[in-house]
């Protein structure tokens, strides 16, 4: 009986659950890579953030397209349109994240990991909205 409840909750909320799962993996990949590049290697925080973004966007496109939004149907043309709009949306949120990092780390000198964590939460919410409503919407 308890498994039936869990199964119903999963089926009803599958998309959000999978987005949070794969988004969580991308979040830890992004934070870990940022800590390595910025903290351990002393790379500039804006450059480190862009490198993290590049790695994570590829990971997120594959997971979102194939498992979260189940949008892997269609041919190469559809995939390329999805990729273009996905990258476009992620570039928009990258600009927001870079602005947050520039203001709070570069200019104001706040702790880089705390700012990065806060910026990631803002970006995760915006990325979900963009992916759901623009990139992987059902035709």
N, C-alpha and C. Protein backbone atom coordinates (compact mmCIF):
# COMPACT_ATOMS: atom_id res chain seq x y z
N UNK A 1 0.81 -1.19 0.00
CA UNK A 1 0.00 0.00 0.00
C UNK A 1 0.87 1.27 0.00
N UNK A 2 1.91 1.28 0.81
CA UNK A 2 2.80 2.43 0.86
C UNK A 2 3.53 2.61 -0.47
N UNK A 3 3.90 1.50 -1.11
CA UNK A 3 4.56 1.58 -2.42
C UNK A 3 3.62 2.17 -3.47
N UNK A 4 2.32 1.88 -3.38
CA UNK A 4 1.35 2.46 -4.31
C UNK A 4 1.30 3.97 -4.18
N UNK A 5 1.35 4.46 -2.96
CA UNK A 5 1.33 5.90 -2.72
C UNK A 5 2.59 6.54 -3.30
N UNK A 6 3.74 5.92 -3.04
CA UNK A 6 5.01 6.45 -3.57
C UNK A 6 4.99 6.44 -5.09
N UNK A 7 4.47 5.36 -5.67
CA UNK A 7 4.41 5.24 -7.13
C UNK A 7 3.50 6.32 -7.72
N UNK A 8 2.35 6.57 -7.11
CA UNK A 8 1.43 7.60 -7.60
C UNK A 8 2.06 8.99 -7.49
N UNK A 9 2.73 9.25 -6.39
CA UNK A 9 3.39 10.55 -6.22
C UNK A 9 4.49 10.72 -7.27
N UNK A 10 5.25 9.64 -7.51
CA UNK A 10 6.31 9.70 -8.51
C UNK A 10 5.73 9.96 -9.90
N UNK A 11 4.70 9.22 -10.27
CA UNK A 11 4.11 9.37 -11.60
C UNK A 11 3.54 10.78 -11.78
N UNK A 12 2.87 11.27 -10.76
CA UNK A 12 2.27 12.60 -10.83
C UNK A 12 3.32 13.70 -10.93
N UNK A 13 4.46 13.51 -10.28
CA UNK A 13 5.50 14.54 -10.19
C UNK A 13 6.81 14.13 -10.85
N UNK A 14 6.75 13.18 -11.76
CA UNK A 14 7.95 12.61 -12.36
C UNK A 14 8.89 13.67 -12.93
N UNK A 15 8.34 14.60 -13.69
CA UNK A 15 9.17 15.61 -14.33
C UNK A 15 9.94 16.46 -13.32
N UNK A 16 9.26 16.93 -12.30
CA UNK A 16 9.91 17.76 -11.28
C UNK A 16 10.93 16.94 -10.50
N UNK A 17 10.58 15.71 -10.15
CA UNK A 17 11.50 14.84 -9.40
C UNK A 17 12.77 14.59 -10.21
N UNK A 18 12.61 14.26 -11.49
CA UNK A 18 13.79 14.01 -12.34
C UNK A 18 14.59 15.29 -12.57
N UNK A 19 13.89 16.42 -12.72
CA UNK A 19 14.61 17.69 -12.88
C UNK A 19 15.44 17.98 -11.64
N UNK A 20 14.86 17.77 -10.48
CA UNK A 20 15.59 18.01 -9.24
C UNK A 20 16.76 17.03 -9.09
N UNK A 21 16.55 15.77 -9.48
CA UNK A 21 17.63 14.77 -9.38
C UNK A 21 18.79 15.14 -10.31
N UNK A 22 18.49 15.30 -11.60
CA UNK A 22 19.57 15.61 -12.55
C UNK A 22 20.09 17.03 -12.34
N UNK A 23 19.21 17.93 -11.94
CA UNK A 23 19.65 19.28 -11.60
C UNK A 23 20.57 19.27 -10.40
N UNK A 24 20.27 18.38 -9.44
CA UNK A 24 21.14 18.23 -8.27
C UNK A 24 22.52 17.73 -8.66
N UNK A 25 22.54 16.75 -9.57
CA UNK A 25 23.84 16.26 -10.06
C UNK A 25 24.62 17.38 -10.76
N UNK A 26 23.92 18.15 -11.60
CA UNK A 26 24.57 19.26 -12.30
C UNK A 26 25.02 20.32 -11.30
N UNK A 27 24.21 20.55 -10.28
CA UNK A 27 24.54 21.52 -9.23
C UNK A 27 25.85 21.14 -8.55
N UNK A 28 25.96 19.87 -8.13
CA UNK A 28 27.19 19.43 -7.45
C UNK A 28 28.39 19.41 -8.39
N UNK A 29 28.15 19.05 -9.66
CA UNK A 29 29.22 19.12 -10.65
C UNK A 29 29.70 20.56 -10.81
N UNK A 30 28.76 21.49 -10.92
CA UNK A 30 29.08 22.90 -11.09
C UNK A 30 29.82 23.45 -9.88
N UNK A 31 29.30 23.19 -8.68
CA UNK A 31 29.91 23.70 -7.46
C UNK A 31 31.29 23.08 -7.24
N UNK A 32 31.39 21.77 -7.46
CA UNK A 32 32.68 21.09 -7.28
C UNK A 32 33.74 21.59 -8.24
N UNK A 33 33.34 21.74 -9.49
CA UNK A 33 34.28 22.23 -10.49
C UNK A 33 34.67 23.69 -10.20
N UNK A 34 33.70 24.51 -9.78
CA UNK A 34 34.00 25.89 -9.41
C UNK A 34 34.96 25.95 -8.23
N UNK A 35 34.73 25.12 -7.23
CA UNK A 35 35.62 25.09 -6.06
C UNK A 35 37.03 24.71 -6.47
N UNK A 36 37.14 23.76 -7.38
CA UNK A 36 38.45 23.33 -7.86
C UNK A 36 39.14 24.45 -8.63
N UNK A 37 38.43 25.03 -9.60
CA UNK A 37 39.04 26.04 -10.46
C UNK A 37 39.32 27.34 -9.71
N UNK A 38 38.32 27.83 -8.96
CA UNK A 38 38.47 29.10 -8.27
C UNK A 38 39.23 28.97 -6.96
N UNK A 39 38.85 27.97 -6.18
CA UNK A 39 39.46 27.82 -4.86
C UNK A 39 40.85 27.21 -4.90
N UNK A 40 40.96 26.04 -5.51
CA UNK A 40 42.23 25.32 -5.50
C UNK A 40 43.23 25.86 -6.54
N UNK A 41 42.71 26.21 -7.72
CA UNK A 41 43.60 26.67 -8.79
C UNK A 41 43.70 28.19 -8.87
N UNK A 42 42.94 28.90 -8.06
CA UNK A 42 42.95 30.36 -7.99
C UNK A 42 42.63 31.03 -9.32
N UNK A 43 41.75 30.39 -10.09
CA UNK A 43 41.32 30.96 -11.36
C UNK A 43 40.31 32.08 -11.07
N UNK A 44 40.30 33.09 -11.88
CA UNK A 44 39.32 34.17 -11.76
C UNK A 44 37.92 33.58 -11.71
N UNK A 45 37.09 34.11 -10.80
CA UNK A 45 35.76 33.54 -10.58
C UNK A 45 34.85 33.62 -11.80
N UNK A 46 34.98 34.65 -12.60
CA UNK A 46 34.13 34.77 -13.79
C UNK A 46 34.53 33.77 -14.87
N UNK A 47 35.82 33.57 -15.02
CA UNK A 47 36.32 32.59 -16.00
C UNK A 47 35.99 31.18 -15.52
N UNK A 48 36.20 30.90 -14.25
CA UNK A 48 35.87 29.58 -13.70
C UNK A 48 34.38 29.29 -13.88
N UNK A 49 33.55 30.28 -13.68
CA UNK A 49 32.11 30.09 -13.82
C UNK A 49 31.72 29.74 -15.25
N UNK A 50 32.35 30.38 -16.23
CA UNK A 50 32.05 30.09 -17.64
C UNK A 50 32.48 28.66 -17.99
N UNK A 51 33.61 28.23 -17.50
CA UNK A 51 34.06 26.86 -17.75
C UNK A 51 33.07 25.87 -17.14
N UNK A 52 32.65 26.13 -15.92
CA UNK A 52 31.65 25.28 -15.26
C UNK A 52 30.36 25.24 -16.07
N UNK A 53 29.96 26.39 -16.57
CA UNK A 53 28.75 26.50 -17.37
C UNK A 53 28.83 25.62 -18.61
N UNK A 54 29.94 25.67 -19.32
CA UNK A 54 30.11 24.87 -20.54
C UNK A 54 29.96 23.38 -20.26
N UNK A 55 30.61 22.91 -19.22
CA UNK A 55 30.54 21.48 -18.86
C UNK A 55 29.11 21.10 -18.48
N UNK A 56 28.49 21.92 -17.67
CA UNK A 56 27.17 21.58 -17.14
C UNK A 56 26.06 21.70 -18.19
N UNK A 57 26.18 22.63 -19.12
CA UNK A 57 25.14 22.77 -20.15
C UNK A 57 25.06 21.50 -21.00
N UNK A 58 26.17 20.95 -21.36
CA UNK A 58 26.16 19.70 -22.13
C UNK A 58 25.50 18.59 -21.32
N UNK A 59 25.89 18.43 -20.08
CA UNK A 59 25.30 17.42 -19.21
C UNK A 59 23.79 17.65 -19.07
N UNK A 60 23.38 18.88 -18.84
CA UNK A 60 21.97 19.19 -18.63
C UNK A 60 21.14 18.98 -19.88
N UNK A 61 21.67 19.33 -21.04
CA UNK A 61 20.90 19.13 -22.28
C UNK A 61 20.60 17.65 -22.48
N UNK A 62 21.59 16.83 -22.34
CA UNK A 62 21.40 15.39 -22.54
C UNK A 62 20.39 14.83 -21.53
N UNK A 63 20.55 15.16 -20.26
CA UNK A 63 19.65 14.60 -19.25
C UNK A 63 18.24 15.19 -19.36
N UNK A 64 18.14 16.49 -19.59
CA UNK A 64 16.81 17.09 -19.72
C UNK A 64 16.07 16.56 -20.93
N UNK A 65 16.75 16.46 -22.04
CA UNK A 65 16.10 16.03 -23.28
C UNK A 65 15.68 14.56 -23.20
N UNK A 66 16.54 13.73 -22.66
CA UNK A 66 16.26 12.29 -22.68
C UNK A 66 15.41 11.79 -21.53
N UNK A 67 15.56 12.37 -20.34
CA UNK A 67 14.89 11.79 -19.19
C UNK A 67 13.90 12.72 -18.50
N UNK A 68 14.24 13.98 -18.35
CA UNK A 68 13.37 14.88 -17.59
C UNK A 68 12.12 15.22 -18.39
N UNK A 69 12.30 15.78 -19.57
CA UNK A 69 11.16 16.23 -20.36
C UNK A 69 10.77 15.24 -21.45
N UNK A 70 11.48 14.13 -21.53
CA UNK A 70 11.17 13.07 -22.49
C UNK A 70 10.92 13.66 -23.88
N UNK A 71 11.87 14.45 -24.34
CA UNK A 71 11.70 15.19 -25.59
C UNK A 71 12.65 14.71 -26.68
N UNK A 72 13.08 13.45 -26.61
CA UNK A 72 14.06 12.95 -27.57
C UNK A 72 13.42 12.41 -28.84
N UNK A 73 12.13 12.67 -29.02
CA UNK A 73 11.49 12.24 -30.26
C UNK A 73 11.74 13.29 -31.33
N UNK A 74 11.59 12.88 -32.56
CA UNK A 74 11.85 13.81 -33.66
C UNK A 74 13.24 13.60 -34.20
N UNK A 75 13.49 14.21 -35.32
CA UNK A 75 14.76 14.02 -35.99
C UNK A 75 15.82 15.01 -35.55
N UNK A 76 16.85 15.06 -36.37
CA UNK A 76 18.00 15.92 -36.10
C UNK A 76 17.60 17.40 -36.10
N UNK A 77 16.68 17.77 -36.99
CA UNK A 77 16.25 19.18 -37.03
C UNK A 77 15.64 19.60 -35.71
N UNK A 78 14.77 18.77 -35.16
CA UNK A 78 14.12 19.08 -33.88
C UNK A 78 15.16 19.16 -32.76
N UNK A 79 16.11 18.21 -32.76
CA UNK A 79 17.14 18.23 -31.73
C UNK A 79 17.99 19.49 -31.82
N UNK A 80 18.33 19.90 -33.03
CA UNK A 80 19.16 21.09 -33.20
C UNK A 80 18.40 22.35 -32.76
N UNK A 81 17.09 22.41 -33.02
CA UNK A 81 16.28 23.54 -32.55
C UNK A 81 16.23 23.54 -31.02
N UNK A 82 16.06 22.36 -30.44
CA UNK A 82 16.06 22.26 -28.98
C UNK A 82 17.40 22.70 -28.41
N UNK A 83 18.48 22.23 -29.02
CA UNK A 83 19.82 22.58 -28.55
C UNK A 83 20.04 24.09 -28.63
N UNK A 84 19.64 24.69 -29.75
CA UNK A 84 19.83 26.14 -29.92
C UNK A 84 19.02 26.91 -28.87
N UNK A 85 17.77 26.53 -28.66
CA UNK A 85 16.97 27.26 -27.67
C UNK A 85 17.44 26.96 -26.25
N UNK A 86 17.91 25.74 -26.02
CA UNK A 86 18.44 25.38 -24.70
C UNK A 86 19.68 26.22 -24.38
N UNK A 87 20.62 26.27 -25.31
CA UNK A 87 21.84 27.05 -25.11
C UNK A 87 21.50 28.54 -24.99
N UNK A 88 20.55 29.01 -25.80
CA UNK A 88 20.13 30.41 -25.69
C UNK A 88 19.57 30.74 -24.31
N UNK A 89 18.71 29.87 -23.80
CA UNK A 89 18.17 30.07 -22.46
C UNK A 89 19.24 30.02 -21.40
N UNK A 90 20.17 29.09 -21.56
CA UNK A 90 21.26 28.97 -20.59
C UNK A 90 22.23 30.15 -20.68
N UNK A 91 22.40 30.71 -21.86
CA UNK A 91 23.23 31.92 -21.98
C UNK A 91 22.59 33.09 -21.23
N UNK A 92 21.26 33.16 -21.30
CA UNK A 92 20.53 34.20 -20.57
C UNK A 92 20.77 34.06 -19.06
N UNK A 93 20.64 32.83 -18.55
CA UNK A 93 20.84 32.64 -17.11
C UNK A 93 22.31 32.73 -16.73
N UNK A 94 23.22 32.41 -17.67
CA UNK A 94 24.65 32.62 -17.41
C UNK A 94 24.93 34.10 -17.22
N UNK A 95 24.31 34.95 -18.03
CA UNK A 95 24.51 36.40 -17.90
C UNK A 95 24.03 36.87 -16.52
N UNK A 96 22.91 36.35 -16.06
CA UNK A 96 22.41 36.70 -14.73
C UNK A 96 23.39 36.23 -13.66
N UNK A 97 23.86 34.98 -13.79
CA UNK A 97 24.80 34.44 -12.81
C UNK A 97 26.12 35.21 -12.81
N UNK A 98 26.61 35.53 -13.97
CA UNK A 98 27.86 36.30 -14.06
C UNK A 98 27.69 37.68 -13.42
N UNK A 99 26.53 38.29 -13.60
CA UNK A 99 26.27 39.59 -12.98
C UNK A 99 26.26 39.47 -11.46
N UNK A 100 25.60 38.43 -10.95
CA UNK A 100 25.58 38.20 -9.50
C UNK A 100 27.00 38.01 -8.98
N UNK A 101 27.79 37.19 -9.67
CA UNK A 101 29.17 36.93 -9.25
C UNK A 101 30.02 38.19 -9.32
N UNK A 102 29.88 38.94 -10.42
CA UNK A 102 30.66 40.17 -10.58
C UNK A 102 30.35 41.16 -9.46
N UNK A 103 29.08 41.36 -9.18
CA UNK A 103 28.70 42.33 -8.15
C UNK A 103 29.13 41.88 -6.76
N UNK A 104 28.77 40.65 -6.41
CA UNK A 104 28.94 40.24 -5.02
C UNK A 104 30.32 39.66 -4.68
N UNK A 105 31.01 39.13 -5.67
CA UNK A 105 32.36 38.60 -5.38
C UNK A 105 33.42 39.60 -5.83
N UNK A 106 33.40 39.94 -7.12
CA UNK A 106 34.45 40.79 -7.67
C UNK A 106 34.42 42.20 -7.09
N UNK A 107 33.25 42.81 -7.05
CA UNK A 107 33.17 44.21 -6.61
C UNK A 107 33.03 44.37 -5.10
N UNK A 108 32.19 43.51 -4.48
CA UNK A 108 31.91 43.68 -3.06
C UNK A 108 32.72 42.77 -2.14
N UNK A 109 33.39 41.76 -2.72
CA UNK A 109 34.29 40.91 -1.96
C UNK A 109 33.62 39.89 -1.05
N UNK A 110 32.38 39.50 -1.36
CA UNK A 110 31.70 38.48 -0.56
C UNK A 110 32.37 37.12 -0.78
N UNK A 111 32.11 36.18 0.10
CA UNK A 111 32.64 34.82 -0.02
C UNK A 111 32.18 34.18 -1.33
N UNK A 112 33.13 33.71 -2.12
CA UNK A 112 32.81 33.22 -3.45
C UNK A 112 31.90 31.99 -3.44
N UNK A 113 32.09 31.06 -2.51
CA UNK A 113 31.27 29.86 -2.49
C UNK A 113 29.83 30.16 -2.06
N UNK A 114 29.66 31.07 -1.13
CA UNK A 114 28.30 31.43 -0.71
C UNK A 114 27.55 32.11 -1.85
N UNK A 115 28.20 33.03 -2.51
CA UNK A 115 27.57 33.72 -3.64
C UNK A 115 27.26 32.74 -4.75
N UNK A 116 28.20 31.84 -5.04
CA UNK A 116 27.98 30.84 -6.09
C UNK A 116 26.78 29.97 -5.75
N UNK A 117 26.63 29.55 -4.51
CA UNK A 117 25.48 28.73 -4.11
C UNK A 117 24.16 29.48 -4.29
N UNK A 118 24.12 30.72 -3.85
CA UNK A 118 22.90 31.53 -4.01
C UNK A 118 22.58 31.72 -5.49
N UNK A 119 23.60 32.04 -6.27
CA UNK A 119 23.40 32.25 -7.71
C UNK A 119 22.89 30.97 -8.37
N UNK A 120 23.37 29.83 -7.94
CA UNK A 120 22.92 28.56 -8.51
C UNK A 120 21.43 28.32 -8.27
N UNK A 121 20.95 28.67 -7.10
CA UNK A 121 19.52 28.49 -6.82
C UNK A 121 18.67 29.38 -7.72
N UNK A 122 19.10 30.60 -7.95
CA UNK A 122 18.38 31.49 -8.86
C UNK A 122 18.37 30.90 -10.27
N UNK A 123 19.52 30.44 -10.71
CA UNK A 123 19.67 29.89 -12.05
C UNK A 123 18.85 28.60 -12.23
N UNK A 124 18.83 27.74 -11.24
CA UNK A 124 18.08 26.48 -11.34
C UNK A 124 16.60 26.76 -11.59
N UNK A 125 16.04 27.69 -10.84
CA UNK A 125 14.62 28.02 -11.01
C UNK A 125 14.36 28.60 -12.40
N UNK A 126 15.18 29.54 -12.81
CA UNK A 126 15.01 30.15 -14.14
C UNK A 126 15.20 29.13 -15.26
N UNK A 127 16.19 28.24 -15.12
CA UNK A 127 16.43 27.22 -16.14
C UNK A 127 15.25 26.27 -16.28
N UNK A 128 14.63 25.91 -15.17
CA UNK A 128 13.46 25.02 -15.24
C UNK A 128 12.33 25.70 -16.00
N UNK A 129 12.07 26.95 -15.68
CA UNK A 129 10.99 27.69 -16.34
C UNK A 129 11.26 27.79 -17.84
N UNK A 130 12.48 28.12 -18.21
CA UNK A 130 12.84 28.25 -19.63
C UNK A 130 12.74 26.90 -20.34
N UNK A 131 13.27 25.85 -19.72
CA UNK A 131 13.23 24.53 -20.35
C UNK A 131 11.80 24.03 -20.52
N UNK A 132 11.00 24.21 -19.50
CA UNK A 132 9.61 23.72 -19.51
C UNK A 132 8.75 24.49 -20.51
N UNK A 133 8.89 25.80 -20.53
CA UNK A 133 7.98 26.60 -21.35
C UNK A 133 8.47 26.90 -22.76
N UNK A 134 9.78 26.88 -22.98
CA UNK A 134 10.30 27.25 -24.29
C UNK A 134 11.03 26.14 -25.04
N UNK A 135 11.87 25.41 -24.34
CA UNK A 135 12.77 24.48 -25.02
C UNK A 135 12.12 23.13 -25.30
N UNK A 136 11.62 22.49 -24.26
CA UNK A 136 11.11 21.12 -24.39
C UNK A 136 9.59 21.02 -24.30
N UNK A 137 8.90 22.07 -24.65
CA UNK A 137 7.44 22.03 -24.61
C UNK A 137 6.95 21.03 -25.64
N UNK A 138 5.85 20.43 -25.31
CA UNK A 138 5.28 19.43 -26.22
C UNK A 138 4.67 20.13 -27.44
N UNK A 139 4.94 19.58 -28.63
CA UNK A 139 4.41 20.22 -29.85
C UNK A 139 2.90 20.11 -29.95
